[in-house]
């Protein structure tokens, strides 16, 4: 690996840094975008059960507020539910914007690596070919070993750039899709909570009249 980098020349080092950064972001995103953490399966059912049994208290809401994802959104809505349906929805939308921002964290960096890595590889190729032509001008075409070394250096940087960019692009697309799925799930669950909570209140209010 070290020989490969050294043979590729100077531009292999920035590509190596890009690959390490991309790998770190990929691992972090896999950990952060877990469905079990962002949209726990039984959270809505648990909240609705507590509401029906009149077991919803501030301590439980605060515990959800400390969570990431859907729990944070539910906590914001429940804390403002007494102010009406509109206020509850607005508070949940505001909380959702914060959650979505966290879900999209580092995605721009990963996208930048996708764009920059091939360009670094191309730049390394151009520099390598300049060296090859410089050798041709100074020594002619007799020194084939030196020419082959220059061409090899030029092609290695291109291969390195593509080797970094392609996996980064695949994971960028995967994580973008995963974020879309999680956002839709959070929206659906939030709507169900608002409809269920204020639907029950409106029903009780109508019955009282």
C-alpha atoms as a PDB file:
ATOM      1  CA  UNK A   1       0.000   0.000   0.000  1.00  0.00           C
ATOM      2  CA  UNK A   2       2.772   2.420   0.940  1.00  0.00           C
ATOM      3  CA  UNK A   3       4.657   1.509  -2.224  1.00  0.00           C
ATOM      4  CA  UNK A   4       1.519   2.167  -4.268  1.00  0.00           C
ATOM      5  CA  UNK A   5       1.173   5.623  -2.704  1.00  0.00           C
ATOM      6  CA  UNK A   6       4.855   6.468  -3.133  1.00  0.00           C
ATOM      7  CA  UNK A   7       4.792   5.341  -6.765  1.00  0.00           C
ATOM      8  CA  UNK A   8       1.757   7.520  -7.441  1.00  0.00           C
ATOM      9  CA  UNK A   9       3.562  10.634  -6.328  1.00  0.00           C
ATOM     10  CA  UNK A  10       2.549  13.667  -4.292  1.00  0.00           C
ATOM     11  CA  UNK A  11      -1.152  13.667  -5.176  1.00  0.00           C
ATOM     12  CA  UNK A  12      -1.648  10.210  -3.688  1.00  0.00           C
ATOM     13  CA  UNK A  13      -1.294  11.702  -0.202  1.00  0.00           C
ATOM     14  CA  UNK A  14      -4.310  14.035  -0.477  1.00  0.00           C
ATOM     15  CA  UNK A  15      -6.225  11.108  -1.953  1.00  0.00           C
ATOM     16  CA  UNK A  16      -5.226   8.996   1.028  1.00  0.00           C
ATOM     17  CA  UNK A  17      -6.493  11.734   3.352  1.00  0.00           C
ATOM     18  CA  UNK A  18      -9.770  11.848   1.407  1.00  0.00           C
ATOM     19  CA  UNK A  19     -10.175   8.091   1.698  1.00  0.00           C
ATOM     20  CA  UNK A  20      -9.603   8.158   5.467  1.00  0.00           C
ATOM     21  CA  UNK A  21     -12.072  11.024   5.899  1.00  0.00           C
ATOM     22  CA  UNK A  22     -14.652   9.296   3.717  1.00  0.00           C
ATOM     23  CA  UNK A  23     -14.286   6.058   5.686  1.00  0.00           C
ATOM     24  CA  UNK A  24     -14.720   7.909   8.989  1.00  0.00           C
ATOM     25  CA  UNK A  25     -17.877   9.645   7.717  1.00  0.00           C
ATOM     26  CA  UNK A  26     -19.310   6.372   6.388  1.00  0.00           C
ATOM     27  CA  UNK A  27     -18.803   4.602   9.721  1.00  0.00           C
ATOM     28  CA  UNK A  28     -20.273   7.552  11.648  1.00  0.00           C
ATOM     29  CA  UNK A  29     -23.313   7.750   9.340  1.00  0.00           C
ATOM     30  CA  UNK A  30     -23.971   4.006   9.644  1.00  0.00           C
ATOM     31  CA  UNK A  31     -24.012   4.433  13.422  1.00  0.00           C
ATOM     32  CA  UNK A  32     -26.117   7.617  13.451  1.00  0.00           C
ATOM     33  CA  UNK A  33     -28.706   6.632  10.832  1.00  0.00           C
ATOM     34  CA  UNK A  34     -29.763   3.422  12.518  1.00  0.00           C
ATOM     35  CA  UNK A  35     -33.535   3.056  12.233  1.00  0.00           C
ATOM     36  CA  UNK A  36     -33.746   1.723  15.793  1.00  0.00           C
ATOM     37  CA  UNK A  37     -32.229   4.964  17.065  1.00  0.00           C
ATOM     38  CA  UNK A  38     -33.944   7.521  14.830  1.00  0.00           C
ATOM     39  CA  UNK A  39     -37.431   5.978  14.586  1.00  0.00           C
ATOM     40  CA  UNK A  40     -37.823   3.369  17.351  1.00  0.00           C
ATOM     41  CA  UNK A  41     -40.401   0.784  16.299  1.00  0.00           C
ATOM     42  CA  UNK A  42     -42.777   0.909  19.269  1.00  0.00           C
ATOM     43  CA  UNK A  43     -42.333   4.526  20.363  1.00  0.00           C
ATOM     44  CA  UNK A  44     -45.661   5.758  18.970  1.00  0.00           C
ATOM     45  CA  UNK A  45     -47.508   2.822  20.542  1.00  0.00           C
ATOM     46  CA  UNK A  46     -45.817   3.462  23.889  1.00  0.00           C
ATOM     47  CA  UNK A  47     -46.699   7.168  23.817  1.00  0.00           C
ATOM     48  CA  UNK A  48     -50.320   6.479  22.833  1.00  0.00           C
ATOM     49  CA  UNK A  49     -50.635   3.863  25.601  1.00  0.00           C
ATOM     50  CA  UNK A  50     -49.351   6.321  28.189  1.00  0.00           C
ATOM     51  CA  UNK A  51     -51.760   8.989  26.950  1.00  0.00           C
ATOM     52  CA  UNK A  52     -54.753   6.621  27.121  1.00  0.00           C
ATOM     53  CA  UNK A  53     -53.795   5.432  30.595  1.00  0.00           C
ATOM     54  CA  UNK A  54     -53.059   9.006  31.739  1.00  0.00           C
ATOM     55  CA  UNK A  55     -49.468   8.059  32.584  1.00  0.00           C
ATOM     56  CA  UNK A  56     -47.811  10.790  30.545  1.00  0.00           C
ATOM     57  CA  UNK A  57     -45.642  12.927  32.819  1.00  0.00           C
ATOM     58  CA  UNK A  58     -42.931  15.560  32.469  1.00  0.00           C
ATOM     59  CA  UNK A  59     -40.150  13.130  33.421  1.00  0.00           C
ATOM     60  CA  UNK A  60     -41.039  10.794  30.549  1.00  0.00           C
ATOM     61  CA  UNK A  61     -41.271  13.692  28.085  1.00  0.00           C
ATOM     62  CA  UNK A  62     -37.892  15.005  29.226  1.00  0.00           C
ATOM     63  CA  UNK A  63     -36.378  11.548  28.720  1.00  0.00           C
ATOM     64  CA  UNK A  64     -37.659  11.575  25.130  1.00  0.00           C
ATOM     65  CA  UNK A  65     -36.328  15.099  24.671  1.00  0.00           C
ATOM     66  CA  UNK A  66     -32.832  13.767  25.410  1.00  0.00           C
ATOM     67  CA  UNK A  67     -33.166  11.259  22.563  1.00  0.00           C
ATOM     68  CA  UNK A  68     -32.382  11.801  18.912  1.00  0.00           C
ATOM     69  CA  UNK A  69     -34.893  11.548  16.124  1.00  0.00           C
ATOM     70  CA  UNK A  70     -38.563  10.775  16.632  1.00  0.00           C
ATOM     71  CA  UNK A  71     -38.423  10.930  20.431  1.00  0.00           C
ATOM     72  CA  UNK A  72     -37.150  14.516  20.291  1.00  0.00           C
ATOM     73  CA  UNK A  73     -39.969  15.475  17.907  1.00  0.00           C
ATOM     74  CA  UNK A  74     -42.639  13.797  20.057  1.00  0.00           C
ATOM     75  CA  UNK A  75     -41.334  15.565  23.157  1.00  0.00           C
ATOM     76  CA  UNK A  76     -41.590  18.965  21.461  1.00  0.00           C
ATOM     77  CA  UNK A  77     -45.162  18.237  20.396  1.00  0.00           C
ATOM     78  CA  UNK A  78     -46.302  16.894  23.755  1.00  0.00           C
ATOM     79  CA  UNK A  79     -44.859  19.882  25.616  1.00  0.00           C
ATOM     80  CA  UNK A  80     -46.972  22.187  23.439  1.00  0.00           C
ATOM     81  CA  UNK A  81     -50.044  19.993  22.954  1.00  0.00           C
ATOM     82  CA  UNK A  82     -52.111  21.965  25.465  1.00  0.00           C
ATOM     83  CA  UNK A  83     -51.839  25.069  23.253  1.00  0.00           C
ATOM     84  CA  UNK A  84     -53.824  23.456  20.457  1.00  0.00           C
ATOM     85  CA  UNK A  85     -53.320  21.443  17.295  1.00  0.00           C
ATOM     86  CA  UNK A  86     -51.603  24.210  15.320  1.00  0.00           C
ATOM     87  CA  UNK A  87     -49.106  25.026  18.057  1.00  0.00           C
ATOM     88  CA  UNK A  88     -48.326  21.341  18.512  1.00  0.00           C
ATOM     89  CA  UNK A  89     -47.704  20.838  14.782  1.00  0.00           C
ATOM     90  CA  UNK A  90     -45.515  23.930  14.520  1.00  0.00           C
ATOM     91  CA  UNK A  91     -43.370  22.879  17.484  1.00  0.00           C
ATOM     92  CA  UNK A  92     -42.968  19.404  16.004  1.00  0.00           C
ATOM     93  CA  UNK A  93     -42.012  20.856  12.612  1.00  0.00           C
ATOM     94  CA  UNK A  94     -39.388  23.032  14.251  1.00  0.00           C
ATOM     95  CA  UNK A  95     -37.994  20.034  16.146  1.00  0.00           C
ATOM     96  CA  UNK A  96     -38.072  17.973  12.926  1.00  0.00           C
ATOM     97  CA  UNK A  97     -35.976  20.578  11.094  1.00  0.00           C
ATOM     98  CA  UNK A  98     -33.335  20.239  13.824  1.00  0.00           C
ATOM     99  CA  UNK A  99     -33.438  16.439  13.593  1.00  0.00           C
ATOM    100  CA  UNK A 100     -33.158  16.479   9.785  1.00  0.00           C
ATOM    101  CA  UNK A 101     -30.177  18.820  10.035  1.00  0.00           C
ATOM    102  CA  UNK A 102     -28.474  16.279  12.295  1.00  0.00           C
ATOM    103  CA  UNK A 103     -29.354  13.424   9.935  1.00  0.00           C
ATOM    104  CA  UNK A 104     -27.730  15.281   7.037  1.00  0.00           C
ATOM    105  CA  UNK A 105     -24.617  16.092   9.023  1.00  0.00           C
ATOM    106  CA  UNK A 106     -21.349  15.392   7.132  1.00  0.00           C
ATOM    107  CA  UNK A 107     -23.244  14.544   3.937  1.00  0.00           C
ATOM    108  CA  UNK A 108     -21.882  17.670   2.246  1.00  0.00           C
ATOM    109  CA  UNK A 109     -18.346  16.606   3.190  1.00  0.00           C
ATOM    110  CA  UNK A 110     -18.922  13.177   1.668  1.00  0.00           C
ATOM    111  CA  UNK A 111     -20.345  14.768  -1.472  1.00  0.00           C
ATOM    112  CA  UNK A 112     -17.331  17.062  -1.686  1.00  0.00           C
ATOM    113  CA  UNK A 113     -14.989  14.060  -1.525  1.00  0.00           C
ATOM    114  CA  UNK A 114     -16.965  12.447  -4.355  1.00  0.00           C
ATOM    115  CA  UNK A 115     -16.366  15.548  -6.495  1.00  0.00           C
ATOM    116  CA  UNK A 116     -12.793  16.346  -5.455  1.00  0.00           C
ATOM    117  CA  UNK A 117     -11.162  12.892  -5.508  1.00  0.00           C
ATOM    118  CA  UNK A 118     -11.403  12.347  -9.307  1.00  0.00           C
ATOM    119  CA  UNK A 119     -10.162  15.902  -9.890  1.00  0.00           C
ATOM    120  CA  UNK A 120      -7.138  15.275  -7.669  1.00  0.00           C
ATOM    121  CA  UNK A 121      -6.502  12.075  -9.601  1.00  0.00           C
ATOM    122  CA  UNK A 122      -6.788  13.921 -12.902  1.00  0.00           C
ATOM    123  CA  UNK A 123      -4.466  16.650 -11.688  1.00  0.00           C
ATOM    124  CA  UNK A 124      -1.934  14.020 -10.672  1.00  0.00           C
ATOM    125  CA  UNK A 125      -2.264  12.467 -14.117  1.00  0.00           C
ATOM    126  CA  UNK A 126      -1.654  15.792 -15.841  1.00  0.00           C
ATOM    127  CA  UNK A 127       1.415  16.479 -13.689  1.00  0.00           C
ATOM    128  CA  UNK A 128       2.705  12.975 -14.373  1.00  0.00           C
ATOM    129  CA  UNK A 129       2.291  13.391 -18.127  1.00  0.00           C
ATOM    130  CA  UNK A 130       4.081  16.748 -17.970  1.00  0.00           C
ATOM    131  CA  UNK A 131       7.003  14.952 -16.355  1.00  0.00           C
ATOM    132  CA  UNK A 132       6.935  12.319 -19.103  1.00  0.00           C
ATOM    133  CA  UNK A 133       7.070  14.928 -21.841  1.00  0.00           C
ATOM    134  CA  UNK A 134       9.846  16.749 -20.007  1.00  0.00           C
ATOM    135  CA  UNK A 135      11.890  13.541 -20.046  1.00  0.00           C
ATOM    136  CA  UNK A 136      11.152  13.106 -23.737  1.00  0.00           C
ATOM    137  CA  UNK A 137      12.368  16.626 -24.458  1.00  0.00           C
ATOM    138  CA  UNK A 138      15.556  16.240 -22.414  1.00  0.00           C
ATOM    139  CA  UNK A 139      16.574  12.639 -23.108  1.00  0.00           C
ATOM    140  CA  UNK A 140      14.548  11.540 -26.092  1.00  0.00           C
ATOM    141  CA  UNK A 141      12.666   8.250 -26.230  1.00  0.00           C
ATOM    142  CA  UNK A 142      15.659   6.066 -25.425  1.00  0.00           C
ATOM    143  CA  UNK A 143      15.100   5.789 -21.660  1.00  0.00           C
ATOM    144  CA  UNK A 144      11.998   3.609 -21.710  1.00  0.00           C
ATOM    145  CA  UNK A 145      12.220   2.702 -18.005  1.00  0.00           C
ATOM    146  CA  UNK A 146      12.033   6.350 -16.985  1.00  0.00           C
ATOM    147  CA  UNK A 147       9.157   6.986 -19.387  1.00  0.00           C
ATOM    148  CA  UNK A 148       7.257   3.954 -18.078  1.00  0.00           C
ATOM    149  CA  UNK A 149       7.738   5.198 -14.519  1.00  0.00           C
ATOM    150  CA  UNK A 150       6.290   8.598 -15.386  1.00  0.00           C
ATOM    151  CA  UNK A 151       3.305   7.082 -17.190  1.00  0.00           C
ATOM    152  CA  UNK A 152       2.732   4.695 -14.281  1.00  0.00           C
ATOM    153  CA  UNK A 153       2.737   7.595 -11.815  1.00  0.00           C
ATOM    154  CA  UNK A 154       0.239   9.454 -13.967  1.00  0.00           C
ATOM    155  CA  UNK A 155      -2.180   6.523 -14.245  1.00  0.00           C
ATOM    156  CA  UNK A 156      -1.951   5.569 -10.562  1.00  0.00           C
ATOM    157  CA  UNK A 157      -3.314   8.917  -9.449  1.00  0.00           C
ATOM    158  CA  UNK A 158      -6.315   8.544 -11.751  1.00  0.00           C
ATOM    159  CA  UNK A 159      -6.958   5.053 -10.434  1.00  0.00           C
ATOM    160  CA  UNK A 160      -6.565   6.310  -6.871  1.00  0.00           C
ATOM    161  CA  UNK A 161      -9.011   9.169  -7.420  1.00  0.00           C
ATOM    162  CA  UNK A 162     -11.639   6.866  -8.888  1.00  0.00           C
ATOM    163  CA  UNK A 163     -10.994   4.299  -6.177  1.00  0.00           C
ATOM    164  CA  UNK A 164     -11.879   6.885  -3.542  1.00  0.00           C
ATOM    165  CA  UNK A 165     -14.750   8.575  -5.392  1.00  0.00           C
ATOM    166  CA  UNK A 166     -16.737   5.511  -6.477  1.00  0.00           C
ATOM    167  CA  UNK A 167     -17.315   3.980  -3.008  1.00  0.00           C
ATOM    168  CA  UNK A 168     -17.930   7.459  -1.566  1.00  0.00           C
ATOM    169  CA  UNK A 169     -20.581   8.095  -4.244  1.00  0.00           C
ATOM    170  CA  UNK A 170     -22.277   4.753  -3.563  1.00  0.00           C
ATOM    171  CA  UNK A 171     -22.514   5.430   0.163  1.00  0.00           C
ATOM    172  CA  UNK A 172     -23.578   9.033  -0.383  1.00  0.00           C
ATOM    173  CA  UNK A 173     -26.523   7.839  -2.474  1.00  0.00           C
ATOM    174  CA  UNK A 174     -27.324   5.113   0.063  1.00  0.00           C
ATOM    175  CA  UNK A 175     -27.315   7.489   3.025  1.00  0.00           C
ATOM    176  CA  UNK A 176     -29.375  10.083   1.126  1.00  0.00           C
ATOM    177  CA  UNK A 177     -32.006   7.426   0.464  1.00  0.00           C
ATOM    178  CA  UNK A 178     -31.868   6.278   4.077  1.00  0.00           C
ATOM    179  CA  UNK A 179     -32.418   9.853   5.288  1.00  0.00           C
ATOM    180  CA  UNK A 180     -35.435  10.239   2.981  1.00  0.00           C
ATOM    181  CA  UNK A 181     -36.968   7.040   4.367  1.00  0.00           C
ATOM    182  CA  UNK A 182     -36.393   8.133   7.965  1.00  0.00           C
ATOM    183  CA  UNK A 183     -37.868  11.596   7.329  1.00  0.00           C
ATOM    184  CA  UNK A 184     -41.026  10.115   5.786  1.00  0.00           C
ATOM    185  CA  UNK A 185     -41.379   7.713   8.717  1.00  0.00           C
ATOM    186  CA  UNK A 186     -41.009  10.560  11.241  1.00  0.00           C
ATOM    187  CA  UNK A 187     -43.585  12.670   9.384  1.00  0.00           C
ATOM    188  CA  UNK A 188     -46.089   9.820   9.335  1.00  0.00           C
ATOM    189  CA  UNK A 189     -45.646   9.030  13.019  1.00  0.00           C
ATOM    190  CA  UNK A 190     -45.852  12.711  13.993  1.00  0.00           C
ATOM    191  CA  UNK A 191     -49.089  13.143  12.033  1.00  0.00           C
ATOM    192  CA  UNK A 192     -50.571  10.074  13.709  1.00  0.00           C
ATOM    193  CA  UNK A 193     -49.723  11.443  17.145  1.00  0.00           C
ATOM    194  CA  UNK A 194     -51.247  14.869  16.427  1.00  0.00           C
ATOM    195  CA  UNK A 195     -54.396  13.363  14.894  1.00  0.00           C
ATOM    196  CA  UNK A 196     -54.831  10.852  17.686  1.00  0.00           C
ATOM    197  CA  UNK A 197     -54.240  13.315  20.506  1.00  0.00           C
ATOM    198  CA  UNK A 198     -56.357  16.193  19.237  1.00  0.00           C
ATOM    199  CA  UNK A 199     -58.911  13.885  17.656  1.00  0.00           C
ATOM    200  CA  UNK A 200     -59.576  12.407  21.091  1.00  0.00           C
ATOM    201  CA  UNK A 201     -59.773  15.859  22.667  1.00  0.00           C
ATOM    202  CA  UNK A 202     -62.158  17.112  19.997  1.00  0.00           C
ATOM    203  CA  UNK A 203     -64.315  14.001  20.447  1.00  0.00           C
ATOM    204  CA  UNK A 204     -64.429  14.472  24.213  1.00  0.00           C
ATOM    205  CA  UNK A 205     -65.236  18.174  23.784  1.00  0.00           C
ATOM    206  CA  UNK A 206     -68.093  17.382  21.406  1.00  0.00           C
ATOM    207  CA  UNK A 207     -69.494  14.754  23.749  1.00  0.00           C
ATOM    208  CA  UNK A 208     -69.361  17.195  26.699  1.00  0.00           C
ATOM    209  CA  UNK A 209     -71.414  19.721  24.733  1.00  0.00           C
END
